[in-house]
Amino acid sequence: MSQLRAIDRIDTGPRFSEDDAVRLNRMFRGQDTREMLRNLVEDDMVGELATVSSFGAESAVLLHLIAEVAPGLPVLFLETGKHFPETLAYRDELVQRLGLKNLVNLHPCLAELEMRDESGLRWSYDPDGCCEIRKVKPLTRALAGYDATLTGRKAFQSSTRANLPRFEIDTSDAQGRLKINPLIDWTATDVEAYFEEHDLPRHPLVAQGYPSIGCSPCTHKVEPGEDPRSGRWKGWDKTECGIHQPGDDAGLPPGYEPFL
């Protein structure tokens, strides 16, 4: 029986408040990441839970932890149509090797792509708009069915992530969805040690100088000593794709039916 059984489960209905996030941060302060995940899943503390994964440079760590605790947990992957072929192959390799049983590929709305990015080149003059169509809106639609999500964000990755807590309220969701950052206090050394300890496969582009990997047109190599995410949207005043920031209305063109 989990040692947290003695603590009353947070009762907020389907969603959470800032007070709940504060309480969870206090409750799990200092607890081992694997044990925290196990408590959340086995005690059903946060309702319907999923993880969002880019299957990028460090994604194998959180996915391995999830596979140990809850291999059937939904793993949401944004299939933007702009990924490196290496990322798609790595996704398939990790799913099979780790035994993940519930990969969900999220696609952009085809009708909206035809209206707003017919050439497929929107990334070159409006990267925010491209991310909105291919990432933010598909994820917003998918997350409507979940109460909480896990992310792979870590404090060392960039200055914009340096002070994030383990538990926070997703400000893009008016109903108070919980966002959980299990690895936020992990260092680069911790991540490397975990890869070695569990003999996890590496994303093939890491060895080529890509410590942070997104869509191919907007991902560049990083020089030694640079911010790991400095190769993302190089030359643009942009540090996040938007899925971790307040989003716009995720409305759809008339007649659109979601497909996953």
C-alpha atoms as a PDB file:
ATOM      1  CA  MET A   1       0.000   0.000   0.000  1.00  0.00           C
ATOM      2  CA  SER A   2       1.319   3.430  -0.902  1.00  0.00           C
ATOM      3  CA  GLN A   3       2.623   5.520   1.955  1.00  0.00           C
ATOM      4  CA  LEU A   4       0.412   8.368   0.694  1.00  0.00           C
ATOM      5  CA  ARG A   5      -2.807   6.470   1.369  1.00  0.00           C
ATOM      6  CA  ALA A   6      -3.012   8.191   4.728  1.00  0.00           C
ATOM      7  CA  ILE A   7      -3.193  11.603   3.053  1.00  0.00           C
ATOM      8  CA  ASP A   8      -6.607  12.681   1.832  1.00  0.00           C
ATOM      9  CA  ARG A   9      -6.837  12.805  -1.931  1.00  0.00           C
ATOM     10  CA  ILE A  10      -7.217  16.312  -3.317  1.00  0.00           C
ATOM     11  CA  ASP A  11     -10.899  16.856  -4.047  1.00  0.00           C
ATOM     12  CA  THR A  12     -11.323  19.470  -6.762  1.00  0.00           C
ATOM     13  CA  GLY A  13     -13.686  17.735  -9.108  1.00  0.00           C
ATOM     14  CA  PRO A  14     -12.208  17.183 -12.554  1.00  0.00           C
ATOM     15  CA  ARG A  15      -9.669  20.035 -12.399  1.00  0.00           C
ATOM     16  CA  PHE A  16      -7.202  21.738 -10.083  1.00  0.00           C
ATOM     17  CA  SER A  17      -6.450  25.102  -8.514  1.00  0.00           C
ATOM     18  CA  GLU A  18      -3.227  26.951  -7.705  1.00  0.00           C
ATOM     19  CA  ASP A  19      -3.680  25.855  -4.079  1.00  0.00           C
ATOM     20  CA  ASP A  20      -3.722  22.234  -5.203  1.00  0.00           C
ATOM     21  CA  ALA A  21      -0.470  22.703  -7.104  1.00  0.00           C
ATOM     22  CA  VAL A  22       1.152  24.235  -4.029  1.00  0.00           C
ATOM     23  CA  ARG A  23      -0.089  21.367  -1.878  1.00  0.00           C
ATOM     24  CA  LEU A  24       1.232  18.748  -4.289  1.00  0.00           C
ATOM     25  CA  ASN A  25       4.631  20.435  -4.451  1.00  0.00           C
ATOM     26  CA  ARG A  26       4.822  20.301  -0.668  1.00  0.00           C
ATOM     27  CA  MET A  27       3.524  16.740  -0.495  1.00  0.00           C
ATOM     28  CA  PHE A  28       6.120  15.375  -2.913  1.00  0.00           C
ATOM     29  CA  ARG A  29       9.046  17.605  -1.981  1.00  0.00           C
ATOM     30  CA  GLY A  30      12.234  15.550  -1.980  1.00  0.00           C
ATOM     31  CA  GLN A  31      10.536  12.329  -3.058  1.00  0.00           C
ATOM     32  CA  ASP A  32      12.229  10.105  -5.614  1.00  0.00           C
ATOM     33  CA  THR A  33      10.851  10.668  -9.119  1.00  0.00           C
ATOM     34  CA  ARG A  34       9.898   7.042  -9.721  1.00  0.00           C
ATOM     35  CA  GLU A  35       8.111   6.795  -6.388  1.00  0.00           C
ATOM     36  CA  MET A  36       6.284  10.048  -7.047  1.00  0.00           C
ATOM     37  CA  LEU A  37       5.017   8.757 -10.398  1.00  0.00           C
ATOM     38  CA  ARG A  38       3.963   5.474  -8.833  1.00  0.00           C
ATOM     39  CA  ASN A  39       2.016   7.280  -6.101  1.00  0.00           C
ATOM     40  CA  LEU A  40       0.270   9.536  -8.607  1.00  0.00           C
ATOM     41  CA  VAL A  41      -0.794   6.600 -10.783  1.00  0.00           C
ATOM     42  CA  GLU A  42      -1.606   3.957  -8.191  1.00  0.00           C
ATOM     43  CA  ASP A  43      -3.454   6.336  -5.853  1.00  0.00           C
ATOM     44  CA  ASP A  44      -5.270   8.007  -8.773  1.00  0.00           C
ATOM     45  CA  MET A  45      -4.413  11.403  -7.299  1.00  0.00           C
ATOM     46  CA  VAL A  46      -4.704  13.498 -10.455  1.00  0.00           C
ATOM     47  CA  GLY A  47      -7.514  11.917 -12.460  1.00  0.00           C
ATOM     48  CA  GLU A  48      -7.067  11.170 -16.156  1.00  0.00           C
ATOM     49  CA  LEU A  49      -3.315  11.404 -16.806  1.00  0.00           C
ATOM     50  CA  ALA A  50      -1.232  11.387 -19.999  1.00  0.00           C
ATOM     51  CA  THR A  51       2.277  12.347 -20.996  1.00  0.00           C
ATOM     52  CA  VAL A  52       3.330  14.506 -23.915  1.00  0.00           C
ATOM     53  CA  SER A  53       6.582  13.382 -25.545  1.00  0.00           C
ATOM     54  CA  SER A  54       8.645  14.809 -28.379  1.00  0.00           C
ATOM     55  CA  PHE A  55      10.763  11.626 -28.543  1.00  0.00           C
ATOM     56  CA  GLY A  56      13.685  14.012 -28.539  1.00  0.00           C
ATOM     57  CA  ALA A  57      17.193  13.976 -27.123  1.00  0.00           C
ATOM     58  CA  GLU A  58      16.295  13.191 -23.492  1.00  0.00           C
ATOM     59  CA  SER A  59      12.795  11.741 -23.858  1.00  0.00           C
ATOM     60  CA  ALA A  60      13.865   8.161 -23.168  1.00  0.00           C
ATOM     61  CA  VAL A  61      14.405   8.917 -19.460  1.00  0.00           C
ATOM     62  CA  LEU A  62      10.823   9.901 -18.623  1.00  0.00           C
ATOM     63  CA  LEU A  63       9.412   7.276 -20.981  1.00  0.00           C
ATOM     64  CA  HIS A  64      11.470   4.576 -19.266  1.00  0.00           C
ATOM     65  CA  LEU A  65      10.169   5.688 -15.866  1.00  0.00           C
ATOM     66  CA  ILE A  66       6.601   5.657 -17.197  1.00  0.00           C
ATOM     67  CA  ALA A  67       7.072   2.197 -18.716  1.00  0.00           C
ATOM     68  CA  GLU A  68       8.137   0.888 -15.309  1.00  0.00           C
ATOM     69  CA  VAL A  69       5.174   2.409 -13.484  1.00  0.00           C
ATOM     70  CA  ALA A  70       2.323   2.561 -16.022  1.00  0.00           C
ATOM     71  CA  PRO A  71       3.164   1.198 -19.508  1.00  0.00           C
ATOM     72  CA  GLY A  72      -0.438   1.778 -20.617  1.00  0.00           C
ATOM     73  CA  LEU A  73      -0.352   5.506 -19.887  1.00  0.00           C
ATOM     74  CA  PRO A  74      -1.256   7.506 -23.019  1.00  0.00           C
ATOM     75  CA  VAL A  75       1.878   8.928 -24.680  1.00  0.00           C
ATOM     76  CA  LEU A  76       0.872  11.843 -26.910  1.00  0.00           C
ATOM     77  CA  PHE A  77       3.168  12.601 -29.852  1.00  0.00           C
ATOM     78  CA  LEU A  78       2.643  15.584 -32.135  1.00  0.00           C
ATOM     79  CA  GLU A  79       3.076  14.247 -35.657  1.00  0.00           C
ATOM     80  CA  THR A  80       3.637  17.650 -37.270  1.00  0.00           C
ATOM     81  CA  GLY A  81       4.717  16.378 -40.669  1.00  0.00           C
ATOM     82  CA  LYS A  82       8.014  18.246 -40.208  1.00  0.00           C
ATOM     83  CA  HIS A  83       9.993  15.846 -38.021  1.00  0.00           C
ATOM     84  CA  PHE A  84      13.419  14.470 -38.854  1.00  0.00           C
ATOM     85  CA  PRO A  85      13.126  10.894 -40.170  1.00  0.00           C
ATOM     86  CA  GLU A  86      15.487   9.955 -37.337  1.00  0.00           C
ATOM     87  CA  THR A  87      12.932  11.157 -34.772  1.00  0.00           C
ATOM     88  CA  LEU A  88      10.154   9.005 -36.199  1.00  0.00           C
ATOM     89  CA  ALA A  89      12.434   5.957 -36.253  1.00  0.00           C
ATOM     90  CA  TYR A  90      13.534   6.707 -32.681  1.00  0.00           C
ATOM     91  CA  ARG A  91       9.902   6.987 -31.583  1.00  0.00           C
ATOM     92  CA  ASP A  92       9.145   3.536 -32.960  1.00  0.00           C
ATOM     93  CA  GLU A  93      12.300   2.066 -31.430  1.00  0.00           C
ATOM     94  CA  LEU A  94      11.531   3.414 -27.945  1.00  0.00           C
ATOM     95  CA  VAL A  95       7.887   2.327 -28.023  1.00  0.00           C
ATOM     96  CA  GLN A  96       8.907  -1.231 -28.868  1.00  0.00           C
ATOM     97  CA  ARG A  97      11.932  -1.448 -26.589  1.00  0.00           C
ATOM     98  CA  LEU A  98      10.263   0.063 -23.523  1.00  0.00           C
ATOM     99  CA  GLY A  99       6.968  -1.739 -24.011  1.00  0.00           C
ATOM    100  CA  LEU A 100       4.829   1.400 -24.171  1.00  0.00           C
ATOM    101  CA  LYS A 101       1.299   0.282 -24.952  1.00  0.00           C
ATOM    102  CA  ASN A 102      -0.596   3.470 -25.729  1.00  0.00           C
ATOM    103  CA  LEU A 103       1.164   5.733 -28.245  1.00  0.00           C
ATOM    104  CA  VAL A 104      -1.227   8.375 -29.594  1.00  0.00           C
ATOM    105  CA  ASN A 105      -0.091  10.256 -32.717  1.00  0.00           C
ATOM    106  CA  LEU A 106      -1.724  13.687 -32.964  1.00  0.00           C
ATOM    107  CA  HIS A 107      -2.042  15.236 -36.417  1.00  0.00           C
ATOM    108  CA  PRO A 108      -2.846  18.793 -37.493  1.00  0.00           C
ATOM    109  CA  CYS A 109      -6.177  19.462 -39.146  1.00  0.00           C
ATOM    110  CA  LEU A 110      -5.744  18.885 -42.878  1.00  0.00           C
ATOM    111  CA  ALA A 111      -8.339  21.500 -43.783  1.00  0.00           C
ATOM    112  CA  GLU A 112      -6.508  24.106 -41.718  1.00  0.00           C
ATOM    113  CA  LEU A 113      -3.166  23.169 -43.284  1.00  0.00           C
ATOM    114  CA  GLU A 114      -4.680  23.694 -46.724  1.00  0.00           C
ATOM    115  CA  MET A 115      -6.039  27.090 -45.709  1.00  0.00           C
ATOM    116  CA  ARG A 116      -3.089  28.439 -43.745  1.00  0.00           C
ATOM    117  CA  ASP A 117      -0.004  26.504 -44.880  1.00  0.00           C
ATOM    118  CA  GLU A 118      -0.681  25.161 -48.338  1.00  0.00           C
ATOM    119  CA  SER A 119       2.966  25.514 -49.357  1.00  0.00           C
ATOM    120  CA  GLY A 120       4.263  23.916 -46.179  1.00  0.00           C
ATOM    121  CA  LEU A 121       6.661  26.838 -45.723  1.00  0.00           C
ATOM    122  CA  ARG A 122       4.917  28.834 -43.019  1.00  0.00           C
ATOM    123  CA  TRP A 123       7.760  27.939 -40.652  1.00  0.00           C
ATOM    124  CA  SER A 124      10.094  30.139 -42.753  1.00  0.00           C
ATOM    125  CA  TYR A 125       8.189  33.402 -42.234  1.00  0.00           C
ATOM    126  CA  ASP A 126       5.813  32.744 -39.313  1.00  0.00           C
ATOM    127  CA  PRO A 127       7.183  30.045 -36.982  1.00  0.00           C
ATOM    128  CA  ASP A 128       4.628  30.890 -34.281  1.00  0.00           C
ATOM    129  CA  GLY A 129       1.805  30.351 -36.758  1.00  0.00           C
ATOM    130  CA  CYS A 130       3.322  27.083 -37.934  1.00  0.00           C
ATOM    131  CA  CYS A 131       3.605  25.810 -34.353  1.00  0.00           C
ATOM    132  CA  GLU A 132       0.044  26.899 -33.652  1.00  0.00           C
ATOM    133  CA  ILE A 133      -1.330  24.847 -36.542  1.00  0.00           C
ATOM    134  CA  ARG A 134       0.887  21.806 -36.184  1.00  0.00           C
ATOM    135  CA  LYS A 135       1.379  21.609 -32.403  1.00  0.00           C
ATOM    136  CA  VAL A 136      -0.678  23.910 -30.202  1.00  0.00           C
ATOM    137  CA  LYS A 137      -4.126  23.286 -31.661  1.00  0.00           C
ATOM    138  CA  PRO A 138      -3.837  19.496 -32.081  1.00  0.00           C
ATOM    139  CA  LEU A 139      -2.559  19.163 -28.519  1.00  0.00           C
ATOM    140  CA  THR A 140      -5.212  21.480 -27.086  1.00  0.00           C
ATOM    141  CA  ARG A 141      -7.928  19.351 -28.676  1.00  0.00           C
ATOM    142  CA  ALA A 142      -6.391  16.119 -27.409  1.00  0.00           C
ATOM    143  CA  LEU A 143      -5.819  17.346 -23.856  1.00  0.00           C
ATOM    144  CA  ALA A 144      -9.470  18.260 -23.385  1.00  0.00           C
ATOM    145  CA  GLY A 145      -9.997  14.696 -22.193  1.00  0.00           C
ATOM    146  CA  TYR A 146      -7.286  14.739 -19.522  1.00  0.00           C
ATOM    147  CA  ASP A 147      -7.031  16.227 -16.031  1.00  0.00           C
ATOM    148  CA  ALA A 148      -3.232  16.245 -15.849  1.00  0.00           C
ATOM    149  CA  THR A 149      -0.206  15.796 -18.101  1.00  0.00           C
ATOM    150  CA  LEU A 150       3.435  14.884 -17.581  1.00  0.00           C
ATOM    151  CA  THR A 151       6.186  16.797 -19.370  1.00  0.00           C
ATOM    152  CA  GLY A 152       9.909  16.191 -19.771  1.00  0.00           C
ATOM    153  CA  ARG A 153      10.968  19.773 -19.014  1.00  0.00           C
ATOM    154  CA  LYS A 154      14.091  20.266 -16.924  1.00  0.00           C
ATOM    155  CA  ALA A 155      15.418  23.410 -15.255  1.00  0.00           C
ATOM    156  CA  PHE A 156      18.879  23.207 -16.819  1.00  0.00           C
ATOM    157  CA  GLN A 157      17.570  23.252 -20.386  1.00  0.00           C
ATOM    158  CA  SER A 158      16.994  27.005 -20.596  1.00  0.00           C
ATOM    159  CA  SER A 159      16.523  30.165 -18.555  1.00  0.00           C
ATOM    160  CA  THR A 160      12.768  30.056 -19.242  1.00  0.00           C
ATOM    161  CA  ARG A 161      12.537  26.702 -17.442  1.00  0.00           C
ATOM    162  CA  ALA A 162      14.952  27.413 -14.591  1.00  0.00           C
ATOM    163  CA  ASN A 163      12.334  28.134 -11.914  1.00  0.00           C
ATOM    164  CA  LEU A 164       9.510  25.795 -12.849  1.00  0.00           C
ATOM    165  CA  PRO A 165       7.964  23.715 -10.026  1.00  0.00           C
ATOM    166  CA  ARG A 166       7.167  20.027 -10.172  1.00  0.00           C
ATOM    167  CA  PHE A 167       3.432  20.766 -10.209  1.00  0.00           C
ATOM    168  CA  GLU A 168       1.789  23.771 -11.855  1.00  0.00           C
ATOM    169  CA  ILE A 169      -1.526  24.757 -13.374  1.00  0.00           C
ATOM    170  CA  ASP A 170      -1.649  24.729 -17.170  1.00  0.00           C
ATOM    171  CA  THR A 171      -2.498  28.358 -17.928  1.00  0.00           C
ATOM    172  CA  SER A 172      -3.692  27.444 -21.419  1.00  0.00           C
ATOM    173  CA  ASP A 173      -6.583  25.486 -19.894  1.00  0.00           C
ATOM    174  CA  ALA A 174      -9.407  27.540 -18.397  1.00  0.00           C
ATOM    175  CA  GLN A 175     -10.635  24.511 -16.420  1.00  0.00           C
ATOM    176  CA  GLY A 176      -7.421  24.123 -14.427  1.00  0.00           C
ATOM    177  CA  ARG A 177      -5.593  21.155 -15.878  1.00  0.00           C
ATOM    178  CA  LEU A 178      -2.509  20.149 -13.882  1.00  0.00           C
ATOM    179  CA  LYS A 179       0.913  20.098 -15.530  1.00  0.00           C
ATOM    180  CA  ILE A 180       3.544  17.900 -13.885  1.00  0.00           C
ATOM    181  CA  ASN A 181       7.305  18.219 -14.484  1.00  0.00           C
ATOM    182  CA  PRO A 182       8.760  15.052 -12.871  1.00  0.00           C
ATOM    183  CA  LEU A 183      12.330  15.740 -14.047  1.00  0.00           C
ATOM    184  CA  ILE A 184      12.443  19.479 -13.403  1.00  0.00           C
ATOM    185  CA  ASP A 185      15.157  19.156 -10.726  1.00  0.00           C
ATOM    186  CA  TRP A 186      17.275  16.640 -12.649  1.00  0.00           C
ATOM    187  CA  THR A 187      20.679  17.860 -13.819  1.00  0.00           C
ATOM    188  CA  ALA A 188      22.348  17.039 -17.125  1.00  0.00           C
ATOM    189  CA  THR A 189      24.581  14.683 -15.136  1.00  0.00           C
ATOM    190  CA  ASP A 190      21.512  12.916 -13.693  1.00  0.00           C
ATOM    191  CA  VAL A 191      20.074  12.427 -17.167  1.00  0.00           C
ATOM    192  CA  GLU A 192      23.357  11.084 -18.541  1.00  0.00           C
ATOM    193  CA  ALA A 193      23.751   8.701 -15.607  1.00  0.00           C
ATOM    194  CA  TYR A 194      20.219   7.360 -16.118  1.00  0.00           C
ATOM    195  CA  PHE A 195      20.902   6.693 -19.804  1.00  0.00           C
ATOM    196  CA  GLU A 196      24.030   4.763 -18.843  1.00  0.00           C
ATOM    197  CA  GLU A 197      22.482   2.858 -15.934  1.00  0.00           C
ATOM    198  CA  HIS A 198      19.562   1.592 -18.009  1.00  0.00           C
ATOM    199  CA  ASP A 199      21.404   1.295 -21.340  1.00  0.00           C
ATOM    200  CA  LEU A 200      18.825   3.458 -23.085  1.00  0.00           C
ATOM    201  CA  PRO A 201      19.172   4.112 -26.819  1.00  0.00           C
ATOM    202  CA  ARG A 202      20.137   7.646 -27.846  1.00  0.00           C
ATOM    203  CA  HIS A 203      18.443   9.809 -30.414  1.00  0.00           C
ATOM    204  CA  PRO A 204      20.775   9.470 -33.422  1.00  0.00           C
ATOM    205  CA  LEU A 205      20.986  13.249 -33.935  1.00  0.00           C
ATOM    206  CA  VAL A 206      22.453  13.927 -30.489  1.00  0.00           C
ATOM    207  CA  ALA A 207      25.874  12.673 -31.597  1.00  0.00           C
ATOM    208  CA  GLN A 208      25.674  15.079 -34.543  1.00  0.00           C
ATOM    209  CA  GLY A 209      25.392  18.153 -32.302  1.00  0.00           C
ATOM    210  CA  TYR A 210      21.640  18.422 -31.646  1.00  0.00           C
ATOM    211  CA  PRO A 211      21.017  18.433 -27.860  1.00  0.00           C
ATOM    212  CA  SER A 212      17.423  19.639 -28.326  1.00  0.00           C
ATOM    213  CA  ILE A 213      15.411  18.285 -31.236  1.00  0.00           C
ATOM    214  CA  GLY A 214      12.157  19.526 -32.692  1.00  0.00           C
ATOM    215  CA  CYS A 215      10.875  19.880 -36.236  1.00  0.00           C
ATOM    216  CA  SER A 216      13.661  19.696 -38.806  1.00  0.00           C
ATOM    217  CA  PRO A 217      13.292  23.188 -40.400  1.00  0.00           C
ATOM    218  CA  CYS A 218      13.549  24.921 -37.015  1.00  0.00           C
ATOM    219  CA  THR A 219      16.255  22.817 -35.339  1.00  0.00           C
ATOM    220  CA  HIS A 220      19.962  23.565 -35.715  1.00  0.00           C
ATOM    221  CA  LYS A 221      23.202  22.284 -34.246  1.00  0.00           C
ATOM    222  CA  VAL A 222      24.454  23.796 -30.996  1.00  0.00           C
ATOM    223  CA  GLU A 223      28.029  24.792 -30.255  1.00  0.00           C
ATOM    224  CA  PRO A 224      29.740  23.448 -27.094  1.00  0.00           C
ATOM    225  CA  GLY A 225      28.830  25.541 -24.056  1.00  0.00           C
ATOM    226  CA  GLU A 226      25.701  27.034 -25.605  1.00  0.00           C
ATOM    227  CA  ASP A 227      22.220  26.727 -24.097  1.00  0.00           C
ATOM    228  CA  PRO A 228      20.956  23.249 -25.103  1.00  0.00           C
ATOM    229  CA  ARG A 229      17.861  24.845 -26.655  1.00  0.00           C
ATOM    230  CA  SER A 230      19.718  27.620 -28.491  1.00  0.00           C
ATOM    231  CA  GLY A 231      19.468  25.630 -31.705  1.00  0.00           C
ATOM    232  CA  ARG A 232      15.676  25.839 -31.681  1.00  0.00           C
ATOM    233  CA  TRP A 233      14.221  28.589 -33.918  1.00  0.00           C
ATOM    234  CA  LYS A 234      17.714  30.024 -34.408  1.00  0.00           C
ATOM    235  CA  GLY A 235      17.536  33.651 -35.494  1.00  0.00           C
ATOM    236  CA  TRP A 236      14.014  34.137 -34.172  1.00  0.00           C
ATOM    237  CA  ASP A 237      12.853  35.696 -30.897  1.00  0.00           C
ATOM    238  CA  LYS A 238      11.240  32.408 -29.935  1.00  0.00           C
ATOM    239  CA  THR A 239      12.149  29.859 -27.269  1.00  0.00           C
ATOM    240  CA  GLU A 240       9.053  27.622 -27.005  1.00  0.00           C
ATOM    241  CA  CYS A 241       6.689  26.085 -29.545  1.00  0.00           C
ATOM    242  CA  GLY A 242       3.668  27.247 -27.558  1.00  0.00           C
ATOM    243  CA  ILE A 243       2.418  24.027 -26.008  1.00  0.00           C
ATOM    244  CA  HIS A 244       3.835  25.175 -22.671  1.00  0.00           C
ATOM    245  CA  GLN A 245       2.364  28.673 -22.947  1.00  0.00           C
ATOM    246  CA  PRO A 246      -1.192  30.039 -22.968  1.00  0.00           C
ATOM    247  CA  GLY A 247      -2.761  29.005 -26.252  1.00  0.00           C
ATOM    248  CA  ASP A 248      -5.303  30.577 -28.560  1.00  0.00           C
ATOM    249  CA  ASP A 249      -8.716  29.175 -29.320  1.00  0.00           C
ATOM    250  CA  ALA A 250      -8.288  25.699 -30.764  1.00  0.00           C
ATOM    251  CA  GLY A 251     -11.348  26.029 -32.983  1.00  0.00           C
ATOM    252  CA  LEU A 252     -11.585  24.008 -36.193  1.00  0.00           C
ATOM    253  CA  PRO A 253     -12.769  24.663 -39.712  1.00  0.00           C
ATOM    254  CA  PRO A 254     -16.386  23.607 -40.293  1.00  0.00           C
ATOM    255  CA  GLY A 255     -16.838  19.899 -40.856  1.00  0.00           C
ATOM    256  CA  TYR A 256     -13.510  18.830 -39.352  1.00  0.00           C
ATOM    257  CA  GLU A 257     -13.453  15.505 -37.511  1.00  0.00           C
ATOM    258  CA  PRO A 258     -10.432  14.880 -35.254  1.00  0.00           C
ATOM    259  CA  PHE A 259      -8.199  11.959 -36.124  1.00  0.00           C
ATOM    260  CA  LEU A 260      -5.348  10.571 -34.026  1.00  0.00           C
END
